[in-house]
C-alpha cells in the first residue's frame, strides 16, 4: 500500500523498498499527502513527521504496522491500582505527570 501511494503521488513506477522518498523527488507538501493517505487507508494516527523519520517504503510500512497494532491489554488488577494512584495525585502532580509522559512519547 505504501508503495502504491508513492507511485501515485510521485509518478515514479519503479520504487523499491529502500528507495528514499526525497531522492525520488518527494518534498514536504507531498509528504503530508502521503501521510494523509496512509492515515485514511490504515486508520492510524500517523504523525506528519513520519515521512521524515521513515523516508523509505519499508521503514514507513513498519511505522504504520507498529501504530496499527493494538495496545497490550492491562490486567484488571493493574488498572484498578493505576486508577487509585491517579486519584491520589493532586491536580498539579497529575498535570506534571501527563506533561512528562507526553514528552517521553515524543508528543509536545
PDB file of N, CA and C in Angstrom:
ATOM      1  N   UNK A   1       0.832  -1.196   0.000  1.00  0.00           N
ATOM      2  CA  UNK A   1       0.000   0.000   0.000  1.00  0.00           C
ATOM      3  C   UNK A   1       0.875   1.257   0.000  1.00  0.00           C
ATOM      4  N   UNK A   2       1.930   1.248   0.816  1.00  0.00           N
ATOM      5  CA  UNK A   2       2.827   2.411   0.861  1.00  0.00           C
ATOM      6  C   UNK A   2       3.411   2.661  -0.524  1.00  0.00           C
ATOM      7  N   UNK A   3       3.888   1.603  -1.156  1.00  0.00           N
ATOM      8  CA  UNK A   3       4.482   1.736  -2.481  1.00  0.00           C
ATOM      9  C   UNK A   3       3.463   2.275  -3.481  1.00  0.00           C
ATOM     10  N   UNK A   4       2.235   1.760  -3.440  1.00  0.00           N
ATOM     11  CA  UNK A   4       1.203   2.234  -4.383  1.00  0.00           C
ATOM     12  C   UNK A   4       0.909   3.712  -4.203  1.00  0.00           C
ATOM     13  N   UNK A   5       0.866   4.157  -2.957  1.00  0.00           N
ATOM     14  CA  UNK A   5       0.619   5.587  -2.696  1.00  0.00           C
ATOM     15  C   UNK A   5       1.776   6.419  -3.235  1.00  0.00           C
ATOM     16  N   UNK A   6       2.999   5.947  -3.020  1.00  0.00           N
ATOM     17  CA  UNK A   6       4.160   6.674  -3.542  1.00  0.00           C
ATOM     18  C   UNK A   6       4.140   6.730  -5.055  1.00  0.00           C
ATOM     19  N   UNK A   7       3.850   5.594  -5.693  1.00  0.00           N
ATOM     20  CA  UNK A   7       3.789   5.557  -7.158  1.00  0.00           C
ATOM     21  C   UNK A   7       2.769   6.572  -7.650  1.00  0.00           C
ATOM     22  N   UNK A   8       1.620   6.600  -7.033  1.00  0.00           N
ATOM     23  CA  UNK A   8       0.555   7.510  -7.438  1.00  0.00           C
ATOM     24  C   UNK A   8       0.952   8.975  -7.260  1.00  0.00           C
ATOM     25  N   UNK A   9       1.514   9.308  -6.116  1.00  0.00           N
ATOM     26  CA  UNK A   9       1.824  10.711  -5.826  1.00  0.00           C
ATOM     27  C   UNK A   9       3.134  11.198  -6.447  1.00  0.00           C
ATOM     28  N   UNK A  10       4.115  10.313  -6.542  1.00  0.00           N
ATOM     29  CA  UNK A  10       5.402  10.719  -7.116  1.00  0.00           C
ATOM     30  C   UNK A  10       5.444  10.560  -8.634  1.00  0.00           C
ATOM     31  N   UNK A  11       4.566   9.705  -9.167  1.00  0.00           N
ATOM     32  CA  UNK A  11       4.582   9.456 -10.603  1.00  0.00           C
ATOM     33  C   UNK A  11       5.790   8.648 -11.037  1.00  0.00           C
ATOM     34  N   UNK A  12       6.345   7.853 -10.131  1.00  0.00           N
ATOM     35  CA  UNK A  12       7.502   7.012 -10.422  1.00  0.00           C
ATOM     36  C   UNK A  12       7.035   5.559 -10.350  1.00  0.00           C
ATOM     37  N   UNK A  13       7.245   4.802 -11.443  1.00  0.00           N
ATOM     38  CA  UNK A  13       6.754   3.424 -11.485  1.00  0.00           C
ATOM     39  C   UNK A  13       7.620   2.441 -10.718  1.00  0.00           C
ATOM     40  N   UNK A  14       8.910   2.620 -10.746  1.00  0.00           N
ATOM     41  CA  UNK A  14       9.836   1.672 -10.113  1.00  0.00           C
ATOM     42  C   UNK A  14      10.276   2.220  -8.756  1.00  0.00           C
ATOM     43  N   UNK A  15       9.653   1.725  -7.691  1.00  0.00           N
ATOM     44  CA  UNK A  15      10.021   2.137  -6.339  1.00  0.00           C
ATOM     45  C   UNK A  15      10.332   0.880  -5.544  1.00  0.00           C
ATOM     46  N   UNK A  16      11.555   0.828  -5.036  1.00  0.00           N
ATOM     47  CA  UNK A  16      11.980  -0.309  -4.227  1.00  0.00           C
ATOM     48  C   UNK A  16      11.732  -0.055  -2.754  1.00  0.00           C
ATOM     49  N   UNK A  17      11.838  -1.094  -1.936  1.00  0.00           N
ATOM     50  CA  UNK A  17      11.547  -0.959  -0.512  1.00  0.00           C
ATOM     51  C   UNK A  17      12.486  -0.026   0.243  1.00  0.00           C
ATOM     52  N   UNK A  18      13.690   0.180  -0.302  1.00  0.00           N
ATOM     53  CA  UNK A  18      14.660   1.030   0.384  1.00  0.00           C
ATOM     54  C   UNK A  18      14.917   2.352  -0.338  1.00  0.00           C
ATOM     55  N   UNK A  19      14.079   2.686  -1.321  1.00  0.00           N
ATOM     56  CA  UNK A  19      14.225   3.964  -2.020  1.00  0.00           C
ATOM     57  C   UNK A  19      13.794   5.109  -1.106  1.00  0.00           C
ATOM     58  N   UNK A  20      14.534   6.199  -1.167  1.00  0.00           N
ATOM     59  CA  UNK A  20      14.272   7.363  -0.329  1.00  0.00           C
ATOM     60  C   UNK A  20      13.241   8.279  -0.990  1.00  0.00           C
ATOM     61  N   UNK A  21      12.208   8.621  -0.252  1.00  0.00           N
ATOM     62  CA  UNK A  21      11.117   9.473  -0.737  1.00  0.00           C
ATOM     63  C   UNK A  21      11.653  10.779  -1.330  1.00  0.00           C
ATOM     64  N   UNK A  22      12.584  11.400  -0.640  1.00  0.00           N
ATOM     65  CA  UNK A  22      13.080  12.709  -1.067  1.00  0.00           C
ATOM     66  C   UNK A  22      14.016  12.603  -2.268  1.00  0.00           C
ATOM     67  N   UNK A  23      14.762  11.509  -2.357  1.00  0.00           N
ATOM     68  CA  UNK A  23      15.622  11.295  -3.518  1.00  0.00           C
ATOM     69  C   UNK A  23      14.811  10.987  -4.773  1.00  0.00           C
ATOM     70  N   UNK A  24      13.580  10.515  -4.581  1.00  0.00           N
ATOM     71  CA  UNK A  24      12.687  10.241  -5.719  1.00  0.00           C
ATOM     72  C   UNK A  24      11.920  11.487  -6.161  1.00  0.00           C
ATOM     73  N   UNK A  25      12.197  12.616  -5.525  1.00  0.00           N
ATOM     74  CA  UNK A  25      11.533  13.861  -5.901  1.00  0.00           C
ATOM     75  C   UNK A  25      10.463  14.321  -4.928  1.00  0.00           C
ATOM     76  N   UNK A  26      10.295  13.591  -3.834  1.00  0.00           N
ATOM     77  CA  UNK A  26       9.307  13.983  -2.830  1.00  0.00           C
ATOM     78  C   UNK A  26       9.733  15.237  -2.090  1.00  0.00           C
ATOM     79  N   UNK A  27       8.765  15.941  -1.559  1.00  0.00           N
ATOM     80  CA  UNK A  27       9.021  17.145  -0.768  1.00  0.00           C
ATOM     81  C   UNK A  27       8.007  17.179   0.371  1.00  0.00           C
ATOM     82  N   UNK A  28       8.158  18.139   1.269  1.00  0.00           N
ATOM     83  CA  UNK A  28       7.339  18.146   2.483  1.00  0.00           C
ATOM     84  C   UNK A  28       5.841  18.220   2.202  1.00  0.00           C
ATOM     85  N   UNK A  29       5.415  19.001   1.237  1.00  0.00           N
ATOM     86  CA  UNK A  29       3.991  19.104   0.923  1.00  0.00           C
ATOM     87  C   UNK A  29       3.454  17.766   0.409  1.00  0.00           C
ATOM     88  N   UNK A  30       4.207  17.127  -0.453  1.00  0.00           N
ATOM     89  CA  UNK A  30       3.811  15.816  -0.969  1.00  0.00           C
ATOM     90  C   UNK A  30       3.853  14.771   0.155  1.00  0.00           C
ATOM     91  N   UNK A  31       4.794  14.936   1.068  1.00  0.00           N
ATOM     92  CA  UNK A  31       4.888  14.039   2.216  1.00  0.00           C
ATOM     93  C   UNK A  31       3.643  14.097   3.081  1.00  0.00           C
ATOM     94  N   UNK A  32       3.066  15.277   3.246  1.00  0.00           N
ATOM     95  CA  UNK A  32       1.834  15.391   4.030  1.00  0.00           C
ATOM     96  C   UNK A  32       0.690  14.657   3.342  1.00  0.00           C
ATOM     97  N   UNK A  33       0.687  14.651   2.027  1.00  0.00           N
ATOM     98  CA  UNK A  33      -0.344  13.898   1.293  1.00  0.00           C
ATOM     99  C   UNK A  33      -0.161  12.397   1.465  1.00  0.00           C
ATOM    100  N   UNK A  34       1.100  11.943   1.465  1.00  0.00           N
ATOM    101  CA  UNK A  34       1.380  10.523   1.696  1.00  0.00           C
ATOM    102  C   UNK A  34       0.862  10.126   3.073  1.00  0.00           C
ATOM    103  N   UNK A  35       1.206  10.915   4.080  1.00  0.00           N
ATOM    104  CA  UNK A  35       0.795  10.625   5.452  1.00  0.00           C
ATOM    105  C   UNK A  35      -0.731  10.608   5.560  1.00  0.00           C
ATOM    106  N   UNK A  36      -1.394  11.569   4.936  1.00  0.00           N
ATOM    107  CA  UNK A  36      -2.863  11.622   4.993  1.00  0.00           C
ATOM    108  C   UNK A  36      -3.483  10.376   4.354  1.00  0.00           C
ATOM    109  N   UNK A  37      -2.938   9.942   3.234  1.00  0.00           N
ATOM    110  CA  UNK A  37      -3.479   8.741   2.575  1.00  0.00           C
ATOM    111  C   UNK A  37      -3.254   7.490   3.417  1.00  0.00           C
ATOM    112  N   UNK A  38      -2.100   7.407   4.063  1.00  0.00           N
ATOM    113  CA  UNK A  38      -1.832   6.254   4.917  1.00  0.00           C
ATOM    114  C   UNK A  38      -2.741   6.258   6.148  1.00  0.00           C
ATOM    115  N   UNK A  39      -2.990   7.436   6.691  1.00  0.00           N
ATOM    116  CA  UNK A  39      -3.932   7.539   7.814  1.00  0.00           C
ATOM    117  C   UNK A  39      -5.301   7.014   7.401  1.00  0.00           C
ATOM    118  N   UNK A  40      -5.763   7.464   6.238  1.00  0.00           N
ATOM    119  CA  UNK A  40      -7.074   7.030   5.748  1.00  0.00           C
ATOM    120  C   UNK A  40      -7.105   5.533   5.452  1.00  0.00           C
ATOM    121  N   UNK A  41      -6.057   5.037   4.822  1.00  0.00           N
ATOM    122  CA  UNK A  41      -6.031   3.636   4.407  1.00  0.00           C
ATOM    123  C   UNK A  41      -5.965   2.676   5.587  1.00  0.00           C
ATOM    124  N   UNK A  42      -5.211   3.051   6.634  1.00  0.00           N
ATOM    125  CA  UNK A  42      -4.986   2.131   7.741  1.00  0.00           C
ATOM    126  C   UNK A  42      -5.653   2.543   9.047  1.00  0.00           C
ATOM    127  N   UNK A  43      -6.233   3.740   9.071  1.00  0.00           N
ATOM    128  CA  UNK A  43      -6.890   4.197  10.293  1.00  0.00           C
ATOM    129  C   UNK A  43      -5.931   4.365  11.461  1.00  0.00           C
ATOM    130  N   UNK A  44      -4.726   4.826  11.174  1.00  0.00           N
ATOM    131  CA  UNK A  44      -3.723   5.034  12.220  1.00  0.00           C
ATOM    132  C   UNK A  44      -3.466   6.518  12.408  1.00  0.00           C
ATOM    133  N   UNK A  45      -2.985   6.870  13.584  1.00  0.00           N
ATOM    134  CA  UNK A  45      -2.658   8.256  13.889  1.00  0.00           C
ATOM    135  C   UNK A  45      -1.185   8.494  13.558  1.00  0.00           C
ATOM    136  N   UNK A  46      -0.899   8.533  12.276  1.00  0.00           N
ATOM    137  CA  UNK A  46       0.465   8.705  11.782  1.00  0.00           C
ATOM    138  C   UNK A  46       0.848  10.177  11.867  1.00  0.00           C
ATOM    139  N   UNK A  47       1.927  10.511  12.577  1.00  0.00           N
ATOM    140  CA  UNK A  47       2.321  11.922  12.681  1.00  0.00           C
ATOM    141  C   UNK A  47       2.877  12.441  11.360  1.00  0.00           C
ATOM    142  N   UNK A  48       2.717  13.729  11.105  1.00  0.00           N
ATOM    143  CA  UNK A  48       3.232  14.306   9.855  1.00  0.00           C
ATOM    144  C   UNK A  48       4.732  14.085   9.665  1.00  0.00           C
ATOM    145  N   UNK A  49       5.480  14.030  10.746  1.00  0.00           N
ATOM    146  CA  UNK A  49       6.931  13.859  10.659  1.00  0.00           C
ATOM    147  C   UNK A  49       7.337  12.445  10.263  1.00  0.00           C
ATOM    148  N   UNK A  50       6.402  11.524  10.177  1.00  0.00           N
ATOM    149  CA  UNK A  50       6.730  10.119   9.878  1.00  0.00           C
ATOM    150  C   UNK A  50       7.488   9.983   8.562  1.00  0.00           C
ATOM    151  N   UNK A  51       7.153  10.773   7.579  1.00  0.00           N
ATOM    152  CA  UNK A  51       7.810  10.679   6.270  1.00  0.00           C
ATOM    153  C   UNK A  51       9.277  11.104   6.377  1.00  0.00           C
ATOM    154  N   UNK A  52       9.598  11.979   7.313  1.00  0.00           N
ATOM    155  CA  UNK A  52      10.982  12.411   7.521  1.00  0.00           C
ATOM    156  C   UNK A  52      11.751  11.387   8.341  1.00  0.00           C
ATOM    157  N   UNK A  53      11.071  10.776   9.297  1.00  0.00           N
ATOM    158  CA  UNK A  53      11.711   9.803  10.174  1.00  0.00           C
ATOM    159  C   UNK A  53      11.825   8.429   9.517  1.00  0.00           C
ATOM    160  N   UNK A  54      10.924   8.137   8.586  1.00  0.00           N
ATOM    161  CA  UNK A  54      10.901   6.838   7.893  1.00  0.00           C
ATOM    162  C   UNK A  54      10.742   7.093   6.398  1.00  0.00           C
ATOM    163  N   UNK A  55      11.804   7.564   5.716  1.00  0.00           N
ATOM    164  CA  UNK A  55      11.664   8.013   4.331  1.00  0.00           C
ATOM    165  C   UNK A  55      11.708   6.936   3.255  1.00  0.00           C
ATOM    166  N   UNK A  56      11.678   5.654   3.655  1.00  0.00           N
ATOM    167  CA  UNK A  56      11.647   4.582   2.654  1.00  0.00           C
ATOM    168  C   UNK A  56      10.328   3.819   2.797  1.00  0.00           C
ATOM    169  N   UNK A  57       9.871   3.171   1.740  1.00  0.00           N
ATOM    170  CA  UNK A  57       8.625   2.404   1.859  1.00  0.00           C
ATOM    171  C   UNK A  57       8.689   1.346   2.967  1.00  0.00           C
ATOM    172  N   UNK A  58       9.813   0.655   3.093  1.00  0.00           N
ATOM    173  CA  UNK A  58       9.935  -0.381   4.111  1.00  0.00           C
ATOM    174  C   UNK A  58       9.843   0.206   5.517  1.00  0.00           C
ATOM    175  N   UNK A  59      10.560   1.292   5.755  1.00  0.00           N
ATOM    176  CA  UNK A  59      10.554   1.912   7.082  1.00  0.00           C
ATOM    177  C   UNK A  59       9.181   2.499   7.404  1.00  0.00           C
ATOM    178  N   UNK A  60       8.563   3.132   6.429  1.00  0.00           N
ATOM    179  CA  UNK A  60       7.246   3.729   6.652  1.00  0.00           C
ATOM    180  C   UNK A  60       6.196   2.643   6.888  1.00  0.00           C
ATOM    181  N   UNK A  61       6.294   1.546   6.183  1.00  0.00           N
ATOM    182  CA  UNK A  61       5.368   0.424   6.386  1.00  0.00           C
ATOM    183  C   UNK A  61       5.520  -0.140   7.802  1.00  0.00           C
ATOM    184  N   UNK A  62       6.762  -0.229   8.307  1.00  0.00           N
ATOM    185  CA  UNK A  62       6.977  -0.704   9.688  1.00  0.00           C
ATOM    186  C   UNK A  62       6.354   0.261  10.693  1.00  0.00           C
ATOM    187  N   UNK A  63       6.500   1.555  10.439  1.00  0.00           N
ATOM    188  CA  UNK A  63       5.914   2.563  11.327  1.00  0.00           C
ATOM    189  C   UNK A  63       4.400   2.423  11.363  1.00  0.00           C
ATOM    190  N   UNK A  64       3.788   2.281  10.193  1.00  0.00           N
ATOM    191  CA  UNK A  64       2.332   2.111  10.113  1.00  0.00           C
ATOM    192  C   UNK A  64       1.915   0.831  10.823  1.00  0.00           C
ATOM    193  N   UNK A  65       2.649  -0.248  10.609  1.00  0.00           N
ATOM    194  CA  UNK A  65       2.320  -1.529  11.250  1.00  0.00           C
ATOM    195  C   UNK A  65       2.417  -1.422  12.771  1.00  0.00           C
ATOM    196  N   UNK A  66       3.435  -0.726  13.255  1.00  0.00           N
ATOM    197  CA  UNK A  66       3.573  -0.548  14.706  1.00  0.00           C
ATOM    198  C   UNK A  66       2.391   0.226  15.276  1.00  0.00           C
ATOM    199  N   UNK A  67       1.941   1.234  14.569  1.00  0.00           N
ATOM    200  CA  UNK A  67       0.806   2.036  15.040  1.00  0.00           C
ATOM    201  C   UNK A  67      -0.511   1.271  14.940  1.00  0.00           C
ATOM    202  N   UNK A  68      -0.583   0.345  14.008  1.00  0.00           N
ATOM    203  CA  UNK A  68      -1.822  -0.409  13.802  1.00  0.00           C
ATOM    204  C   UNK A  68      -1.990  -1.535  14.813  1.00  0.00           C
ATOM    205  N   UNK A  69      -0.909  -1.914  15.498  1.00  0.00           N
ATOM    206  CA  UNK A  69      -1.003  -2.985  16.496  1.00  0.00           C
ATOM    207  C   UNK A  69      -1.836  -2.515  17.667  1.00  0.00           C
ATOM    208  N   UNK A  70      -2.714  -3.375  18.161  1.00  0.00           N
ATOM    209  CA  UNK A  70      -3.498  -2.994  19.342  1.00  0.00           C
ATOM    210  C   UNK A  70      -2.599  -2.881  20.568  1.00  0.00           C
ATOM    211  N   UNK A  71      -2.969  -1.985  21.452  1.00  0.00           N
ATOM    212  CA  UNK A  71      -2.223  -1.822  22.701  1.00  0.00           C
ATOM    213  C   UNK A  71      -2.385  -3.079  23.540  1.00  0.00           C
ATOM    214  N   UNK A  72      -1.344  -3.440  24.275  1.00  0.00           N
ATOM    215  CA  UNK A  72      -1.474  -4.641  25.108  1.00  0.00           C
ATOM    216  C   UNK A  72      -2.559  -4.447  26.165  1.00  0.00           C
ATOM    217  N   UNK A  73      -3.264  -5.507  26.451  1.00  0.00           N
ATOM    218  CA  UNK A  73      -4.321  -5.455  27.451  1.00  0.00           C
ATOM    219  C   UNK A  73      -3.710  -5.266  28.838  1.00  0.00           C
ATOM    220  N   UNK A  74      -4.392  -4.488  29.647  1.00  0.00           N
ATOM    221  CA  UNK A  74      -3.961  -4.254  31.017  1.00  0.00           C
ATOM    222  C   UNK A  74      -4.820  -5.127  31.921  1.00  0.00           C
ATOM    223  N   UNK A  75      -4.201  -5.988  32.725  1.00  0.00           N
ATOM    224  CA  UNK A  75      -4.999  -6.809  33.641  1.00  0.00           C
ATOM    225  C   UNK A  75      -5.835  -5.932  34.559  1.00  0.00           C
ATOM    226  N   UNK A  76      -7.052  -6.377  34.879  1.00  0.00           N
ATOM    227  CA  UNK A  76      -7.975  -5.577  35.682  1.00  0.00           C
ATOM    228  C   UNK A  76      -7.360  -5.101  36.988  1.00  0.00           C
ATOM    229  N   UNK A  77      -6.616  -5.955  37.674  1.00  0.00           N
ATOM    230  CA  UNK A  77      -5.999  -5.554  38.939  1.00  0.00           C
ATOM    231  C   UNK A  77      -5.021  -4.419  38.751  1.00  0.00           C
ATOM    232  N   UNK A  78      -4.220  -4.479  37.682  1.00  0.00           N
ATOM    233  CA  UNK A  78      -3.259  -3.412  37.401  1.00  0.00           C
ATOM    234  C   UNK A  78      -3.965  -2.108  37.100  1.00  0.00           C
ATOM    235  N   UNK A  79      -5.069  -2.184  36.362  1.00  0.00           N
ATOM    236  CA  UNK A  79      -5.828  -0.989  36.022  1.00  0.00           C
ATOM    237  C   UNK A  79      -6.434  -0.360  37.268  1.00  0.00           C
ATOM    238  N   UNK A  80      -6.953  -1.181  38.160  1.00  0.00           N
ATOM    239  CA  UNK A  80      -7.529  -0.678  39.406  1.00  0.00           C
ATOM    240  C   UNK A  80      -6.463   0.029  40.229  1.00  0.00           C
ATOM    241  N   UNK A  81      -5.275  -0.567  40.302  1.00  0.00           N
ATOM    242  CA  UNK A  81      -4.172   0.042  41.049  1.00  0.00           C
ATOM    243  C   UNK A  81      -3.754   1.364  40.409  1.00  0.00           C
ATOM    244  N   UNK A  82      -3.684   1.378  39.087  1.00  0.00           N
ATOM    245  CA  UNK A  82      -3.302   2.594  38.378  1.00  0.00           C
ATOM    246  C   UNK A  82      -4.309   3.708  38.615  1.00  0.00           C
ATOM    247  N   UNK A  83      -5.591   3.395  38.531  1.00  0.00           N
ATOM    248  CA  UNK A  83      -6.625   4.403  38.774  1.00  0.00           C
ATOM    249  C   UNK A  83      -6.555   4.938  40.199  1.00  0.00           C
ATOM    250  N   UNK A  84      -6.267   4.073  41.153  1.00  0.00           N
ATOM    251  CA  UNK A  84      -6.131   4.513  42.544  1.00  0.00           C
ATOM    252  C   UNK A  84      -4.954   5.484  42.683  1.00  0.00           C
ATOM    253  N   UNK A  85      -3.845   5.185  41.998  1.00  0.00           N
ATOM    254  CA  UNK A  85      -2.684   6.083  42.040  1.00  0.00           C
ATOM    255  C   UNK A  85      -3.027   7.440  41.418  1.00  0.00           C
ATOM    256  N   UNK A  86      -3.731   7.418  40.309  1.00  0.00           N
ATOM    257  CA  UNK A  86      -4.101   8.668  39.635  1.00  0.00           C
ATOM    258  C   UNK A  86      -5.013   9.503  40.525  1.00  0.00           C
ATOM    259  N   UNK A  87      -5.999   8.861  41.143  1.00  0.00           N
ATOM    260  CA  UNK A  87      -6.929   9.586  42.017  1.00  0.00           C
ATOM    261  C   UNK A  87      -6.216  10.198  43.223  1.00  0.00           C
ATOM    262  N   UNK A  88      -5.117   9.597  43.657  1.00  0.00           N
ATOM    263  CA  UNK A  88      -4.381  10.092  44.817  1.00  0.00           C
ATOM    264  C   UNK A  88      -3.510  11.300  44.485  1.00  0.00           C
ATOM    265  N   UNK A  89      -3.276  11.554  43.213  1.00  0.00           N
ATOM    266  CA  UNK A  89      -2.435  12.686  42.815  1.00  0.00           C
ATOM    267  C   UNK A  89      -3.206  13.998  42.927  1.00  0.00           C
ATOM    268  N   UNK A  90      -2.467  15.048  43.276  1.00  0.00           N
ATOM    269  CA  UNK A  90      -3.070  16.384  43.246  1.00  0.00           C
ATOM    270  C   UNK A  90      -3.228  16.786  41.782  1.00  0.00           C
ATOM    271  N   UNK A  91      -4.099  17.750  41.479  1.00  0.00           N
ATOM    272  CA  UNK A  91      -4.239  18.191  40.082  1.00  0.00           C
ATOM    273  C   UNK A  91      -2.918  18.657  39.478  1.00  0.00           C
ATOM    274  N   UNK A  92      -2.090  19.316  40.295  1.00  0.00           N
ATOM    275  CA  UNK A  92      -0.800  19.798  39.798  1.00  0.00           C
ATOM    276  C   UNK A  92       0.133  18.631  39.476  1.00  0.00           C
ATOM    277  N   UNK A  93       0.165  17.644  40.372  1.00  0.00           N
ATOM    278  CA  UNK A  93       1.010  16.472  40.143  1.00  0.00           C
ATOM    279  C   UNK A  93       0.550  15.690  38.924  1.00  0.00           C
ATOM    280  N   UNK A  94      -0.759  15.551  38.775  1.00  0.00           N
ATOM    281  CA  UNK A  94      -1.301  14.846  37.623  1.00  0.00           C
ATOM    282  C   UNK A  94      -0.936  15.566  36.332  1.00  0.00           C
ATOM    283  N   UNK A  95      -1.067  16.889  36.313  1.00  0.00           N
ATOM    284  CA  UNK A  95      -0.719  17.669  35.119  1.00  0.00           C
ATOM    285  C   UNK A  95       0.763  17.500  34.797  1.00  0.00           C
ATOM    286  N   UNK A  96       1.617  17.509  35.821  1.00  0.00           N
ATOM    287  CA  UNK A  96       3.060  17.345  35.607  1.00  0.00           C
ATOM    288  C   UNK A  96       3.366  15.948  35.045  1.00  0.00           C
ATOM    289  N   UNK A  97       2.747  14.917  35.613  1.00  0.00           N
ATOM    290  CA  UNK A  97       2.972  13.549  35.140  1.00  0.00           C
ATOM    291  C   UNK A  97       2.510  13.373  33.695  1.00  0.00           C
ATOM    292  N   UNK A  98       1.355  13.932  33.356  1.00  0.00           N
ATOM    293  CA  UNK A  98       0.869  13.851  31.975  1.00  0.00           C
ATOM    294  C   UNK A  98       1.811  14.573  31.021  1.00  0.00           C
ATOM    295  N   UNK A  99       2.287  15.735  31.440  1.00  0.00           N
ATOM    296  CA  UNK A  99       3.218  16.510  30.619  1.00  0.00           C
ATOM    297  C   UNK A  99       4.495  15.698  30.367  1.00  0.00           C
ATOM    298  N   UNK A 100       5.034  15.093  31.426  1.00  0.00           N
ATOM    299  CA  UNK A 100       6.255  14.292  31.284  1.00  0.00           C
ATOM    300  C   UNK A 100       6.015  13.083  30.388  1.00  0.00           C
ATOM    301  N   UNK A 101       4.884  12.422  30.557  1.00  0.00           N
ATOM    302  CA  UNK A 101       4.580  11.245  29.741  1.00  0.00           C
ATOM    303  C   UNK A 101       4.471  11.608  28.270  1.00  0.00           C
ATOM    304  N   UNK A 102       3.847  12.725  27.967  1.00  0.00           N
ATOM    305  CA  UNK A 102       3.718  13.151  26.567  1.00  0.00           C
ATOM    306  C   UNK A 102       5.078  13.422  25.948  1.00  0.00           C
ATOM    307  N   UNK A 103       5.962  14.049  26.699  1.00  0.00           N
ATOM    308  CA  UNK A 103       7.298  14.356  26.170  1.00  0.00           C
ATOM    309  C   UNK A 103       8.130  13.104  26.004  1.00  0.00           C
ATOM    310  N   UNK A 104       7.951  12.119  26.868  1.00  0.00           N
ATOM    311  CA  UNK A 104       8.667  10.853  26.730  1.00  0.00           C
ATOM    312  C   UNK A 104       8.224  10.132  25.468  1.00  0.00           C
ATOM    313  N   UNK A 105       6.952  10.292  25.069  1.00  0.00           N
ATOM    314  CA  UNK A 105       6.419   9.646  23.865  1.00  0.00           C
ATOM    315  C   UNK A 105       6.705  10.470  22.619  1.00  0.00           C
ATOM    316  N   UNK A 106       7.295  11.653  22.777  1.00  0.00           N
ATOM    317  CA  UNK A 106       7.596  12.484  21.623  1.00  0.00           C
ATOM    318  C   UNK A 106       6.471  13.406  21.216  1.00  0.00           C
ATOM    319  N   UNK A 107       5.455  13.568  22.071  1.00  0.00           N
ATOM    320  CA  UNK A 107       4.351  14.480  21.791  1.00  0.00           C
ATOM    321  C   UNK A 107       4.547  15.751  22.599  1.00  0.00           C
ATOM    322  N   UNK A 108       4.428  16.897  21.966  1.00  0.00           N
ATOM    323  CA  UNK A 108       4.612  18.163  22.722  1.00  0.00           C
ATOM    324  C   UNK A 108       3.477  18.433  23.674  1.00  0.00           C
TER     325      UNK A 108
END
